[in-house]
Amino acid sequence: MDTELRLDLLINDCVVVELKAIEHILPVLEAQVLTYMKLLKKPQGLLINFFNNNISKSMKPFVNEYFMLLPDTL
């Protein structure tokens, strides 16, 4: 199966970002972010829903097993 990934943003070759503008975030959209992260071997993800007026409440962060491999920057 040869399918193209169509993620919205990839920041610093590390963070997968999916942008939505829908009333409710469905579990399938969360699974989409996690799938992109796993297929691309990226440690972080962020799902942002612009339907909500409060942007801080409309962001959902994700991390996976690749997050542990990031170098400490402290």
PDB file of N, CA and C in Angstrom:
ATOM      1  N   MET A   1       0.850  -1.180   0.000  1.00  0.00           N
ATOM      2  CA  MET A   1       0.000   0.000   0.000  1.00  0.00           C
ATOM      3  C   MET A   1       0.892   1.238   0.000  1.00  0.00           C
ATOM      4  N   ASP A   2       0.775   2.046  -1.022  1.00  0.00           N
ATOM      5  CA  ASP A   2       1.596   3.244  -1.147  1.00  0.00           C
ATOM      6  C   ASP A   2       0.704   4.471  -0.981  1.00  0.00           C
ATOM      7  N   THR A   3       0.699   5.029   0.225  1.00  0.00           N
ATOM      8  CA  THR A   3      -0.159   6.165   0.537  1.00  0.00           C
ATOM      9  C   THR A   3       0.692   7.337   0.974  1.00  0.00           C
ATOM     10  N   GLU A   4       0.329   8.522   0.523  1.00  0.00           N
ATOM     11  CA  GLU A   4       1.046   9.724   0.935  1.00  0.00           C
ATOM     12  C   GLU A   4       0.545  10.205   2.288  1.00  0.00           C
ATOM     13  N   LEU A   5       1.482  10.623   3.134  1.00  0.00           N
ATOM     14  CA  LEU A   5       1.109  11.283   4.378  1.00  0.00           C
ATOM     15  C   LEU A   5       0.801  12.733   4.062  1.00  0.00           C
ATOM     16  N   ARG A   6      -0.195  13.265   4.718  1.00  0.00           N
ATOM     17  CA  ARG A   6      -0.554  14.659   4.469  1.00  0.00           C
ATOM     18  C   ARG A   6      -0.691  15.401   5.786  1.00  0.00           C
ATOM     19  N   LEU A   7       0.386  15.420   6.530  1.00  0.00           N
ATOM     20  CA  LEU A   7       0.338  16.143   7.786  1.00  0.00           C
ATOM     21  C   LEU A   7       0.395  17.638   7.499  1.00  0.00           C
ATOM     22  N   ASP A   8      -0.105  18.415   8.439  1.00  0.00           N
ATOM     23  CA  ASP A   8      -0.191  19.859   8.226  1.00  0.00           C
ATOM     24  C   ASP A   8       1.158  20.543   8.393  1.00  0.00           C
ATOM     25  N   LEU A   9       1.856  20.255   9.486  1.00  0.00           N
ATOM     26  CA  LEU A   9       3.149  20.887   9.751  1.00  0.00           C
ATOM     27  C   LEU A   9       4.101  19.895  10.397  1.00  0.00           C
ATOM     28  N   LEU A  10       5.380  20.076  10.124  1.00  0.00           N
ATOM     29  CA  LEU A  10       6.437  19.357  10.829  1.00  0.00           C
ATOM     30  C   LEU A  10       7.440  20.413  11.267  1.00  0.00           C
ATOM     31  N   ILE A  11       7.560  20.607  12.567  1.00  0.00           N
ATOM     32  CA  ILE A  11       8.393  21.675  13.118  1.00  0.00           C
ATOM     33  C   ILE A  11       9.713  21.097  13.619  1.00  0.00           C
ATOM     34  N   ASN A  12      10.818  21.698  13.176  1.00  0.00           N
ATOM     35  CA  ASN A  12      12.176  21.304  13.581  1.00  0.00           C
ATOM     36  C   ASN A  12      12.436  19.809  13.420  1.00  0.00           C
ATOM     37  N   ASP A  13      11.819  19.208  12.433  1.00  0.00           N
ATOM     38  CA  ASP A  13      11.971  17.777  12.185  1.00  0.00           C
ATOM     39  C   ASP A  13      11.708  16.956  13.445  1.00  0.00           C
ATOM     40  N   CYS A  14      10.790  17.464  14.292  1.00  0.00           N
ATOM     41  CA  CYS A  14      10.573  16.846  15.597  1.00  0.00           C
ATOM     42  C   CYS A  14       9.096  16.797  16.004  1.00  0.00           C
ATOM     43  N   VAL A  15       8.337  17.836  15.690  1.00  0.00           N
ATOM     44  CA  VAL A  15       6.961  17.957  16.181  1.00  0.00           C
ATOM     45  C   VAL A  15       5.977  17.891  15.014  1.00  0.00           C
ATOM     46  N   VAL A  16       5.110  16.890  15.049  1.00  0.00           N
ATOM     47  CA  VAL A  16       4.035  16.751  14.071  1.00  0.00           C
ATOM     48  C   VAL A  16       2.866  17.603  14.550  1.00  0.00           C
ATOM     49  N   VAL A  17       2.381  18.493  13.695  1.00  0.00           N
ATOM     50  CA  VAL A  17       1.266  19.371  14.066  1.00  0.00           C
ATOM     51  C   VAL A  17       0.112  19.141  13.098  1.00  0.00           C
ATOM     52  N   GLU A  18      -1.053  18.868  13.654  1.00  0.00           N
ATOM     53  CA  GLU A  18      -2.273  18.744  12.862  1.00  0.00           C
ATOM     54  C   GLU A  18      -3.209  19.877  13.255  1.00  0.00           C
ATOM     55  N   LEU A  19      -3.720  20.578  12.262  1.00  0.00           N
ATOM     56  CA  LEU A  19      -4.605  21.717  12.472  1.00  0.00           C
ATOM     57  C   LEU A  19      -6.016  21.331  12.061  1.00  0.00           C
ATOM     58  N   LYS A  20      -6.971  21.624  12.927  1.00  0.00           N
ATOM     59  CA  LYS A  20      -8.374  21.325  12.648  1.00  0.00           C
ATOM     60  C   LYS A  20      -9.218  22.541  13.004  1.00  0.00           C
ATOM     61  N   ALA A  21     -10.433  22.567  12.494  1.00  0.00           N
ATOM     62  CA  ALA A  21     -11.412  23.597  12.841  1.00  0.00           C
ATOM     63  C   ALA A  21     -12.775  22.923  12.884  1.00  0.00           C
ATOM     64  N   ILE A  22     -12.959  22.104  13.923  1.00  0.00           N
ATOM     65  CA  ILE A  22     -14.198  21.346  14.070  1.00  0.00           C
ATOM     66  C   ILE A  22     -14.708  21.486  15.493  1.00  0.00           C
ATOM     67  N   GLU A  23     -15.998  21.216  15.676  1.00  0.00           N
ATOM     68  CA  GLU A  23     -16.627  21.433  16.977  1.00  0.00           C
ATOM     69  C   GLU A  23     -16.039  20.549  18.076  1.00  0.00           C
ATOM     70  N   HIS A  24     -15.811  19.286  17.776  1.00  0.00           N
ATOM     71  CA  HIS A  24     -15.282  18.351  18.770  1.00  0.00           C
ATOM     72  C   HIS A  24     -14.143  17.543  18.164  1.00  0.00           C
ATOM     73  N   ILE A  25     -13.101  17.356  18.949  1.00  0.00           N
ATOM     74  CA  ILE A  25     -11.991  16.502  18.529  1.00  0.00           C
ATOM     75  C   ILE A  25     -12.399  15.050  18.756  1.00  0.00           C
ATOM     76  N   LEU A  26     -12.378  14.285  17.710  1.00  0.00           N
ATOM     77  CA  LEU A  26     -12.752  12.876  17.782  1.00  0.00           C
ATOM     78  C   LEU A  26     -11.513  12.016  18.031  1.00  0.00           C
ATOM     79  N   PRO A  27     -11.699  10.860  18.643  1.00  0.00           N
ATOM     80  CA  PRO A  27     -10.562   9.962  18.884  1.00  0.00           C
ATOM     81  C   PRO A  27      -9.804   9.590  17.608  1.00  0.00           C
ATOM     82  N   VAL A  28     -10.486   9.523  16.480  1.00  0.00           N
ATOM     83  CA  VAL A  28      -9.810   9.176  15.226  1.00  0.00           C
ATOM     84  C   VAL A  28      -8.788  10.248  14.843  1.00  0.00           C
ATOM     85  N   LEU A  29      -9.020  11.498  15.214  1.00  0.00           N
ATOM     86  CA  LEU A  29      -8.066  12.570  14.918  1.00  0.00           C
ATOM     87  C   LEU A  29      -6.840  12.474  15.819  1.00  0.00           C
ATOM     88  N   GLU A  30      -7.054  12.068  17.060  1.00  0.00           N
ATOM     89  CA  GLU A  30      -5.925  11.833  17.958  1.00  0.00           C
ATOM     90  C   GLU A  30      -5.091  10.662  17.435  1.00  0.00           C
ATOM     91  N   ALA A  31      -5.775   9.624  16.977  1.00  0.00           N
ATOM     92  CA  ALA A  31      -5.075   8.465  16.409  1.00  0.00           C
ATOM     93  C   ALA A  31      -4.300   8.860  15.156  1.00  0.00           C
ATOM     94  N   GLN A  32      -4.826   9.800  14.392  1.00  0.00           N
ATOM     95  CA  GLN A  32      -4.135  10.277  13.196  1.00  0.00           C
ATOM     96  C   GLN A  32      -2.792  10.896  13.565  1.00  0.00           C
ATOM     97  N   VAL A  33      -2.777  11.744  14.586  1.00  0.00           N
ATOM     98  CA  VAL A  33      -1.532  12.379  15.025  1.00  0.00           C
ATOM     99  C   VAL A  33      -0.546  11.320  15.508  1.00  0.00           C
ATOM    100  N   LEU A  34      -1.016  10.403  16.331  1.00  0.00           N
ATOM    101  CA  LEU A  34      -0.145   9.348  16.850  1.00  0.00           C
ATOM    102  C   LEU A  34       0.401   8.461  15.728  1.00  0.00           C
ATOM    103  N   THR A  35      -0.408   8.190  14.727  1.00  0.00           N
ATOM    104  CA  THR A  35       0.038   7.389  13.588  1.00  0.00           C
ATOM    105  C   THR A  35       1.120   8.113  12.800  1.00  0.00           C
ATOM    106  N   TYR A  36       0.913   9.397  12.517  1.00  0.00           N
ATOM    107  CA  TYR A  36       1.937  10.182  11.817  1.00  0.00           C
ATOM    108  C   TYR A  36       3.241  10.187  12.603  1.00  0.00           C
ATOM    109  N   MET A  37       3.134  10.360  13.922  1.00  0.00           N
ATOM    110  CA  MET A  37       4.330  10.380  14.762  1.00  0.00           C
ATOM    111  C   MET A  37       5.080   9.057  14.659  1.00  0.00           C
ATOM    112  N   LYS A  38       4.347   7.967  14.717  1.00  0.00           N
ATOM    113  CA  LYS A  38       4.986   6.650  14.677  1.00  0.00           C
ATOM    114  C   LYS A  38       5.600   6.364  13.304  1.00  0.00           C
ATOM    115  N   LEU A  39       4.858   6.634  12.241  1.00  0.00           N
ATOM    116  CA  LEU A  39       5.365   6.366  10.896  1.00  0.00           C
ATOM    117  C   LEU A  39       6.581   7.221  10.552  1.00  0.00           C
ATOM    118  N   LEU A  40       6.588   8.453  11.037  1.00  0.00           N
ATOM    119  CA  LEU A  40       7.696   9.371  10.754  1.00  0.00           C
ATOM    120  C   LEU A  40       8.805   9.306  11.801  1.00  0.00           C
ATOM    121  N   LYS A  41       8.576   8.516  12.865  1.00  0.00           N
ATOM    122  CA  LYS A  41       9.527   8.379  13.971  1.00  0.00           C
ATOM    123  C   LYS A  41       9.839   9.735  14.606  1.00  0.00           C
ATOM    124  N   LYS A  42       8.770  10.474  14.891  1.00  0.00           N
ATOM    125  CA  LYS A  42       8.895  11.784  15.530  1.00  0.00           C
ATOM    126  C   LYS A  42       8.397  11.685  16.968  1.00  0.00           C
ATOM    127  N   PRO A  43       9.061  12.356  17.908  1.00  0.00           N
ATOM    128  CA  PRO A  43       8.766  12.179  19.323  1.00  0.00           C
ATOM    129  C   PRO A  43       7.587  12.981  19.863  1.00  0.00           C
ATOM    130  N   GLN A  44       7.199  14.033  19.178  1.00  0.00           N
ATOM    131  CA  GLN A  44       6.156  14.902  19.717  1.00  0.00           C
ATOM    132  C   GLN A  44       5.101  15.199  18.661  1.00  0.00           C
ATOM    133  N   GLY A  45       3.888  15.447  19.160  1.00  0.00           N
ATOM    134  CA  GLY A  45       2.793  15.826  18.277  1.00  0.00           C
ATOM    135  C   GLY A  45       1.922  16.853  18.960  1.00  0.00           C
ATOM    136  N   LEU A  46       1.197  17.597  18.163  1.00  0.00           N
ATOM    137  CA  LEU A  46       0.305  18.620  18.689  1.00  0.00           C
ATOM    138  C   LEU A  46      -0.919  18.687  17.788  1.00  0.00           C
ATOM    139  N   LEU A  47      -2.085  18.557  18.404  1.00  0.00           N
ATOM    140  CA  LEU A  47      -3.356  18.678  17.695  1.00  0.00           C
ATOM    141  C   LEU A  47      -3.978  19.997  18.122  1.00  0.00           C
ATOM    142  N   ILE A  48      -4.206  20.894  17.164  1.00  0.00           N
ATOM    143  CA  ILE A  48      -4.753  22.218  17.464  1.00  0.00           C
ATOM    144  C   ILE A  48      -6.097  22.357  16.772  1.00  0.00           C
ATOM    145  N   ASN A  49      -7.118  22.730  17.556  1.00  0.00           N
ATOM    146  CA  ASN A  49      -8.460  22.930  17.024  1.00  0.00           C
ATOM    147  C   ASN A  49      -8.804  24.415  17.075  1.00  0.00           C
ATOM    148  N   PHE A  50      -8.957  25.034  15.923  1.00  0.00           N
ATOM    149  CA  PHE A  50      -9.240  26.459  15.849  1.00  0.00           C
ATOM    150  C   PHE A  50     -10.723  26.789  15.982  1.00  0.00           C
ATOM    151  N   PHE A  51     -11.558  25.785  16.213  1.00  0.00           N
ATOM    152  CA  PHE A  51     -12.987  26.041  16.401  1.00  0.00           C
ATOM    153  C   PHE A  51     -13.240  26.739  17.728  1.00  0.00           C
ATOM    154  N   ASN A  52     -12.400  26.467  18.716  1.00  0.00           N
ATOM    155  CA  ASN A  52     -12.531  27.030  20.059  1.00  0.00           C
ATOM    156  C   ASN A  52     -11.906  28.424  20.098  1.00  0.00           C
ATOM    157  N   ASN A  53     -12.531  29.349  20.828  1.00  0.00           N
ATOM    158  CA  ASN A  53     -11.985  30.703  20.959  1.00  0.00           C
ATOM    159  C   ASN A  53     -10.758  30.753  21.857  1.00  0.00           C
ATOM    160  N   ASN A  54     -10.621  29.811  22.775  1.00  0.00           N
ATOM    161  CA  ASN A  54      -9.498  29.775  23.701  1.00  0.00           C
ATOM    162  C   ASN A  54      -8.457  28.790  23.167  1.00  0.00           C
ATOM    163  N   ILE A  55      -7.419  29.330  22.550  1.00  0.00           N
ATOM    164  CA  ILE A  55      -6.441  28.472  21.872  1.00  0.00           C
ATOM    165  C   ILE A  55      -5.709  27.549  22.847  1.00  0.00           C
ATOM    166  N   SER A  56      -5.485  28.010  24.077  1.00  0.00           N
ATOM    167  CA  SER A  56      -4.769  27.160  25.037  1.00  0.00           C
ATOM    168  C   SER A  56      -5.589  25.931  25.425  1.00  0.00           C
ATOM    169  N   LYS A  57      -6.909  26.034  25.373  1.00  0.00           N
ATOM    170  CA  LYS A  57      -7.759  24.887  25.682  1.00  0.00           C
ATOM    171  C   LYS A  57      -7.988  24.000  24.464  1.00  0.00           C
ATOM    172  N   SER A  58      -7.576  24.471  23.309  1.00  0.00           N
ATOM    173  CA  SER A  58      -7.847  23.717  22.090  1.00  0.00           C
ATOM    174  C   SER A  58      -6.617  22.978  21.568  1.00  0.00           C
ATOM    175  N   MET A  59      -5.538  22.953  22.346  1.00  0.00           N
ATOM    176  CA  MET A  59      -4.327  22.240  21.937  1.00  0.00           C
ATOM    177  C   MET A  59      -4.169  20.968  22.761  1.00  0.00           C
ATOM    178  N   LYS A  60      -3.843  19.882  22.100  1.00  0.00           N
ATOM    179  CA  LYS A  60      -3.601  18.621  22.802  1.00  0.00           C
ATOM    180  C   LYS A  60      -2.227  18.105  22.401  1.00  0.00           C
ATOM    181  N   PRO A  61      -1.300  18.025  23.371  1.00  0.00           N
ATOM    182  CA  PRO A  61       0.049  17.531  23.070  1.00  0.00           C
ATOM    183  C   PRO A  61       0.117  16.003  23.155  1.00  0.00           C
ATOM    184  N   PHE A  62       1.056  15.443  22.420  1.00  0.00           N
ATOM    185  CA  PHE A  62       1.300  14.004  22.417  1.00  0.00           C
ATOM    186  C   PHE A  62       2.801  13.754  22.468  1.00  0.00           C
ATOM    187  N   VAL A  63       3.202  12.682  23.132  1.00  0.00           N
ATOM    188  CA  VAL A  63       4.580  12.195  23.076  1.00  0.00           C
ATOM    189  C   VAL A  63       4.519  10.678  22.914  1.00  0.00           C
ATOM    190  N   ASN A  64       5.593  10.105  22.384  1.00  0.00           N
ATOM    191  CA  ASN A  64       5.639   8.654  22.219  1.00  0.00           C
ATOM    192  C   ASN A  64       6.995   8.122  22.669  1.00  0.00           C
ATOM    193  N   GLU A  65       7.292   6.882  22.315  1.00  0.00           N
ATOM    194  CA  GLU A  65       8.537   6.255  22.784  1.00  0.00           C
ATOM    195  C   GLU A  65       9.784   6.952  22.254  1.00  0.00           C
ATOM    196  N   TYR A  66       9.687   7.674  21.163  1.00  0.00           N
ATOM    197  CA  TYR A  66      10.845   8.395  20.620  1.00  0.00           C
ATOM    198  C   TYR A  66      11.207   9.612  21.468  1.00  0.00           C
ATOM    199  N   PHE A  67      10.281  10.065  22.304  1.00  0.00           N
ATOM    200  CA  PHE A  67      10.529  11.227  23.165  1.00  0.00           C
ATOM    201  C   PHE A  67      11.682  10.956  24.129  1.00  0.00           C
ATOM    202  N   MET A  68      11.780   9.722  24.618  1.00  0.00           N
ATOM    203  CA  MET A  68      12.851   9.361  25.559  1.00  0.00           C
ATOM    204  C   MET A  68      14.231   9.452  24.914  1.00  0.00           C
ATOM    205  N   LEU A  69      14.293   9.389  23.596  1.00  0.00           N
ATOM    206  CA  LEU A  69      15.571   9.420  22.885  1.00  0.00           C
ATOM    207  C   LEU A  69      16.085  10.831  22.630  1.00  0.00           C
ATOM    208  N   LEU A  70      15.262  11.845  22.944  1.00  0.00           N
ATOM    209  CA  LEU A  70      15.704  13.226  22.735  1.00  0.00           C
ATOM    210  C   LEU A  70      16.828  13.565  23.701  1.00  0.00           C
ATOM    211  N   PRO A  71      17.820  14.328  23.264  1.00  0.00           N
ATOM    212  CA  PRO A  71      18.910  14.721  24.174  1.00  0.00           C
ATOM    213  C   PRO A  71      18.423  15.733  25.204  1.00  0.00           C
ATOM    214  N   ASP A  72      18.996  15.664  26.397  1.00  0.00           N
ATOM    215  CA  ASP A  72      18.701  16.669  27.420  1.00  0.00           C
ATOM    216  C   ASP A  72      19.318  17.987  26.999  1.00  0.00           C
ATOM    217  N   THR A  73      18.559  19.062  27.153  1.00  0.00           N
ATOM    218  CA  THR A  73      19.080  20.383  26.787  1.00  0.00           C
ATOM    219  C   THR A  73      19.307  21.246  28.012  1.00  0.00           C
ATOM    220  N   LEU A  74      19.144  20.672  29.189  1.00  0.00           N
ATOM    221  CA  LEU A  74      19.329  21.449  30.426  1.00  0.00           C
ATOM    222  C   LEU A  74      20.770  21.486  30.853  1.00  0.00           C
TER     223      LEU A  74
END
